[in-house]
Amino acid sequence: MAKKFFLIDDDNDDRELFLEALSAVDNSVVFYYAADAEDALEKLDTKSIDTPDIIFLDINLPAMTGWQCLSKLKSTDSSKNIPVIMYSTSSHSRDKNIARDLGALCLITKPHDYKQIKTVLSTVVTNVNTGELDNICKQFSY
């Protein structure tokens, strides 16, 4: 069965780079995206997308922040068990702690180059349904 990734990010360039890298790593992965938290929550709530295996969630989103979205995801029965990786330009230790406190696996700082993004996504694709995502976060939470 194909793995399903859901990226919630308002930056079109970041979404395109993420998708390009993900496709290069494994073109069988089903990719969903939302440009804001409200759209993401609606897609999950109405089941207009299949339940993703993992969610990558940006912190800085318009209207509802990534933190607010994460809180809603983790307090909703249909999404509380979906692993969430906060995926942001932030590398502040405070943000990493907030991510864990709100129920995310971790915060991964968006890599600045294509090769790094592919490395992160390759590791996540390989381990997304194995229970090894905590180790991935230790490896890439820089």
C-alpha atoms as a PDB file:
ATOM      1  CA  MET A   1       0.000   0.000   0.000  1.00  0.00           C
ATOM      2  CA  ALA A   2       1.296   3.456  -0.900  1.00  0.00           C
ATOM      3  CA  LYS A   3       2.508   5.689   1.891  1.00  0.00           C
ATOM      4  CA  LYS A   4       0.682   8.985   2.324  1.00  0.00           C
ATOM      5  CA  PHE A   5       2.390  12.242   3.301  1.00  0.00           C
ATOM      6  CA  PHE A   6       0.530  15.461   4.149  1.00  0.00           C
ATOM      7  CA  LEU A   7       2.417  18.770   4.095  1.00  0.00           C
ATOM      8  CA  ILE A   8       0.793  21.834   5.639  1.00  0.00           C
ATOM      9  CA  ASP A   9       2.813  24.843   4.491  1.00  0.00           C
ATOM     10  CA  ASP A  10       1.818  28.204   3.042  1.00  0.00           C
ATOM     11  CA  ASP A  11       5.075  28.706   1.108  1.00  0.00           C
ATOM     12  CA  ASN A  12       4.552  27.498  -2.450  1.00  0.00           C
ATOM     13  CA  ASP A  13       8.291  27.223  -3.149  1.00  0.00           C
ATOM     14  CA  ASP A  14       8.795  25.055  -0.062  1.00  0.00           C
ATOM     15  CA  ARG A  15       5.872  22.827  -1.069  1.00  0.00           C
ATOM     16  CA  GLU A  16       7.232  22.392  -4.593  1.00  0.00           C
ATOM     17  CA  LEU A  17      10.739  21.571  -3.345  1.00  0.00           C
ATOM     18  CA  PHE A  18       9.316  19.106  -0.803  1.00  0.00           C
ATOM     19  CA  LEU A  19       7.233  17.375  -3.489  1.00  0.00           C
ATOM     20  CA  GLU A  20      10.142  17.278  -5.943  1.00  0.00           C
ATOM     21  CA  ALA A  21      12.425  15.706  -3.338  1.00  0.00           C
ATOM     22  CA  LEU A  22       9.729  13.280  -2.191  1.00  0.00           C
ATOM     23  CA  SER A  23       9.044  12.185  -5.767  1.00  0.00           C
ATOM     24  CA  ALA A  24      12.754  11.633  -6.347  1.00  0.00           C
ATOM     25  CA  VAL A  25      12.969   9.500  -3.205  1.00  0.00           C
ATOM     26  CA  ASP A  26       9.848   7.419  -3.867  1.00  0.00           C
ATOM     27  CA  ASN A  27       7.394   8.366  -6.581  1.00  0.00           C
ATOM     28  CA  SER A  28       4.783   5.958  -5.200  1.00  0.00           C
ATOM     29  CA  VAL A  29       4.209   8.116  -2.111  1.00  0.00           C
ATOM     30  CA  VAL A  30       0.834   9.852  -2.228  1.00  0.00           C
ATOM     31  CA  PHE A  31       1.320  13.555  -1.527  1.00  0.00           C
ATOM     32  CA  TYR A  32      -1.355  15.812  -0.055  1.00  0.00           C
ATOM     33  CA  TYR A  33      -0.911  19.432   0.894  1.00  0.00           C
ATOM     34  CA  ALA A  34      -2.748  22.353   2.377  1.00  0.00           C
ATOM     35  CA  ALA A  35      -1.652  25.981   2.324  1.00  0.00           C
ATOM     36  CA  ASP A  36      -3.184  26.754   5.708  1.00  0.00           C
ATOM     37  CA  ALA A  37      -4.353  25.050   8.867  1.00  0.00           C
ATOM     38  CA  GLU A  38      -8.051  25.561   8.255  1.00  0.00           C
ATOM     39  CA  ASP A  39      -7.865  23.822   4.864  1.00  0.00           C
ATOM     40  CA  ALA A  40      -5.810  20.992   6.360  1.00  0.00           C
ATOM     41  CA  LEU A  41      -8.234  20.398   9.215  1.00  0.00           C
ATOM     42  CA  GLU A  42     -11.189  20.487   6.834  1.00  0.00           C
ATOM     43  CA  LYS A  43      -9.553  17.950   4.502  1.00  0.00           C
ATOM     44  CA  LEU A  44      -8.931  15.617   7.423  1.00  0.00           C
ATOM     45  CA  ASP A  45     -12.342  16.176   9.010  1.00  0.00           C
ATOM     46  CA  THR A  46     -14.335  15.661   5.812  1.00  0.00           C
ATOM     47  CA  LYS A  47     -12.095  12.773   4.750  1.00  0.00           C
ATOM     48  CA  SER A  48     -11.567  14.417   1.357  1.00  0.00           C
ATOM     49  CA  ILE A  49      -8.087  12.895   1.597  1.00  0.00           C
ATOM     50  CA  ASP A  50      -7.061   9.475   2.855  1.00  0.00           C
ATOM     51  CA  THR A  51      -5.675   9.435   6.365  1.00  0.00           C
ATOM     52  CA  PRO A  52      -1.997  10.303   5.998  1.00  0.00           C
ATOM     53  CA  ASP A  53       0.766   8.184   7.469  1.00  0.00           C
ATOM     54  CA  ILE A  54       2.565  11.347   8.563  1.00  0.00           C
ATOM     55  CA  ILE A  55       1.992  15.087   8.635  1.00  0.00           C
ATOM     56  CA  PHE A  56       4.687  17.712   8.144  1.00  0.00           C
ATOM     57  CA  LEU A  57       3.414  20.959   9.672  1.00  0.00           C
ATOM     58  CA  ASP A  58       4.929  24.424   9.355  1.00  0.00           C
ATOM     59  CA  ILE A  59       4.784  26.668  12.417  1.00  0.00           C
ATOM     60  CA  ASN A  60       4.235  29.969  10.621  1.00  0.00           C
ATOM     61  CA  LEU A  61       0.898  29.753   8.873  1.00  0.00           C
ATOM     62  CA  PRO A  62      -1.652  32.479   8.118  1.00  0.00           C
ATOM     63  CA  ALA A  63      -4.660  32.889  10.435  1.00  0.00           C
ATOM     64  CA  MET A  64      -4.214  29.731  12.560  1.00  0.00           C
ATOM     65  CA  THR A  65      -0.619  28.983  13.551  1.00  0.00           C
ATOM     66  CA  GLY A  66       1.007  25.599  13.249  1.00  0.00           C
ATOM     67  CA  TRP A  67       0.926  25.345  17.051  1.00  0.00           C
ATOM     68  CA  GLN A  68      -2.844  25.891  17.083  1.00  0.00           C
ATOM     69  CA  CYS A  69      -3.265  23.380  14.261  1.00  0.00           C
ATOM     70  CA  LEU A  70      -1.139  20.816  16.096  1.00  0.00           C
ATOM     71  CA  SER A  71      -3.268  21.243  19.226  1.00  0.00           C
ATOM     72  CA  LYS A  72      -6.432  20.624  17.194  1.00  0.00           C
ATOM     73  CA  LEU A  73      -4.897  17.616  15.435  1.00  0.00           C
ATOM     74  CA  LYS A  74      -3.888  16.035  18.733  1.00  0.00           C
ATOM     75  CA  SER A  75      -7.268  16.689  20.379  1.00  0.00           C
ATOM     76  CA  THR A  76      -9.350  15.191  17.561  1.00  0.00           C
ATOM     77  CA  ASP A  77     -10.061  11.462  17.628  1.00  0.00           C
ATOM     78  CA  SER A  78      -9.622  11.003  13.873  1.00  0.00           C
ATOM     79  CA  SER A  79      -6.175  12.624  13.766  1.00  0.00           C
ATOM     80  CA  LYS A  80      -4.645  12.323  17.239  1.00  0.00           C
ATOM     81  CA  ASN A  81      -2.662   9.200  16.332  1.00  0.00           C
ATOM     82  CA  ILE A  82      -1.192  10.533  13.086  1.00  0.00           C
ATOM     83  CA  PRO A  83       2.499  11.307  13.632  1.00  0.00           C
ATOM     84  CA  VAL A  84       3.291  14.994  13.158  1.00  0.00           C
ATOM     85  CA  ILE A  85       6.688  16.471  12.463  1.00  0.00           C
ATOM     86  CA  MET A  86       6.881  20.227  12.821  1.00  0.00           C
ATOM     87  CA  TYR A  87       8.750  21.382   9.731  1.00  0.00           C
ATOM     88  CA  SER A  88       9.912  24.957  10.012  1.00  0.00           C
ATOM     89  CA  THR A  89      12.718  27.428   9.457  1.00  0.00           C
ATOM     90  CA  SER A  90      12.975  27.692  13.241  1.00  0.00           C
ATOM     91  CA  SER A  91      15.756  25.884  15.040  1.00  0.00           C
ATOM     92  CA  HIS A  92      15.131  27.451  18.429  1.00  0.00           C
ATOM     93  CA  SER A  93      15.234  24.982  21.321  1.00  0.00           C
ATOM     94  CA  ARG A  94      12.089  26.588  22.771  1.00  0.00           C
ATOM     95  CA  ASP A  95      10.174  25.634  19.590  1.00  0.00           C
ATOM     96  CA  LYS A  96      11.503  22.078  19.765  1.00  0.00           C
ATOM     97  CA  ASN A  97      10.234  21.801  23.349  1.00  0.00           C
ATOM     98  CA  ILE A  98       6.835  23.270  22.445  1.00  0.00           C
ATOM     99  CA  ALA A  99       6.531  20.787  19.567  1.00  0.00           C
ATOM    100  CA  ARG A 100       7.107  17.834  21.887  1.00  0.00           C
ATOM    101  CA  ASP A 101       4.840  19.263  24.602  1.00  0.00           C
ATOM    102  CA  LEU A 102       1.972  19.632  22.110  1.00  0.00           C
ATOM    103  CA  GLY A 103       2.344  16.075  20.827  1.00  0.00           C
ATOM    104  CA  ALA A 104       4.545  16.369  17.748  1.00  0.00           C
ATOM    105  CA  LEU A 105       7.300  13.833  17.277  1.00  0.00           C
ATOM    106  CA  CYS A 106       9.789  16.657  16.911  1.00  0.00           C
ATOM    107  CA  LEU A 107      10.688  19.801  15.035  1.00  0.00           C
ATOM    108  CA  ILE A 108      12.904  19.433  12.006  1.00  0.00           C
ATOM    109  CA  THR A 109      14.425  22.617  10.671  1.00  0.00           C
ATOM    110  CA  LYS A 110      13.752  22.888   6.957  1.00  0.00           C
ATOM    111  CA  PRO A 111      16.951  21.869   5.193  1.00  0.00           C
ATOM    112  CA  HIS A 112      18.415  24.558   2.972  1.00  0.00           C
ATOM    113  CA  ASP A 113      19.460  22.361   0.109  1.00  0.00           C
ATOM    114  CA  TYR A 114      17.808  19.745  -2.045  1.00  0.00           C
ATOM    115  CA  LYS A 115      20.212  16.971  -1.085  1.00  0.00           C
ATOM    116  CA  GLN A 116      19.444  17.427   2.632  1.00  0.00           C
ATOM    117  CA  ILE A 117      15.681  17.421   2.002  1.00  0.00           C
ATOM    118  CA  LYS A 118      16.023  14.189   0.030  1.00  0.00           C
ATOM    119  CA  THR A 119      18.047  12.625   2.853  1.00  0.00           C
ATOM    120  CA  VAL A 120      15.419  13.545   5.446  1.00  0.00           C
ATOM    121  CA  LEU A 121      12.520  12.371   3.280  1.00  0.00           C
ATOM    122  CA  SER A 122      14.281   9.159   2.284  1.00  0.00           C
ATOM    123  CA  THR A 123      14.726   8.255   5.922  1.00  0.00           C
ATOM    124  CA  VAL A 124      11.127   9.142   6.780  1.00  0.00           C
ATOM    125  CA  VAL A 125       9.749   7.190   3.801  1.00  0.00           C
ATOM    126  CA  THR A 126      11.732   4.135   4.850  1.00  0.00           C
ATOM    127  CA  ASN A 127      10.675   4.306   8.499  1.00  0.00           C
ATOM    128  CA  VAL A 128       7.247   5.961   8.562  1.00  0.00           C
ATOM    129  CA  ASN A 129       5.288   2.824   9.424  1.00  0.00           C
ATOM    130  CA  THR A 130       7.964   0.998  11.405  1.00  0.00           C
ATOM    131  CA  GLY A 131       7.774   2.753  14.761  1.00  0.00           C
ATOM    132  CA  GLU A 132      11.249   4.175  14.243  1.00  0.00           C
ATOM    133  CA  LEU A 133      10.224   7.806  13.723  1.00  0.00           C
ATOM    134  CA  ASP A 134      11.587   8.864  17.120  1.00  0.00           C
ATOM    135  CA  ASN A 135      15.047   7.832  15.940  1.00  0.00           C
ATOM    136  CA  ILE A 136      14.556   9.864  12.771  1.00  0.00           C
ATOM    137  CA  CYS A 137      13.787  12.906  14.864  1.00  0.00           C
ATOM    138  CA  LYS A 138      16.953  12.408  16.879  1.00  0.00           C
ATOM    139  CA  GLN A 139      18.931  12.187  13.654  1.00  0.00           C
ATOM    140  CA  PHE A 140      17.439  15.202  11.871  1.00  0.00           C
ATOM    141  CA  SER A 141      16.311  17.536  14.612  1.00  0.00           C
ATOM    142  CA  TYR A 142      19.153  19.981  14.117  1.00  0.00           C
END
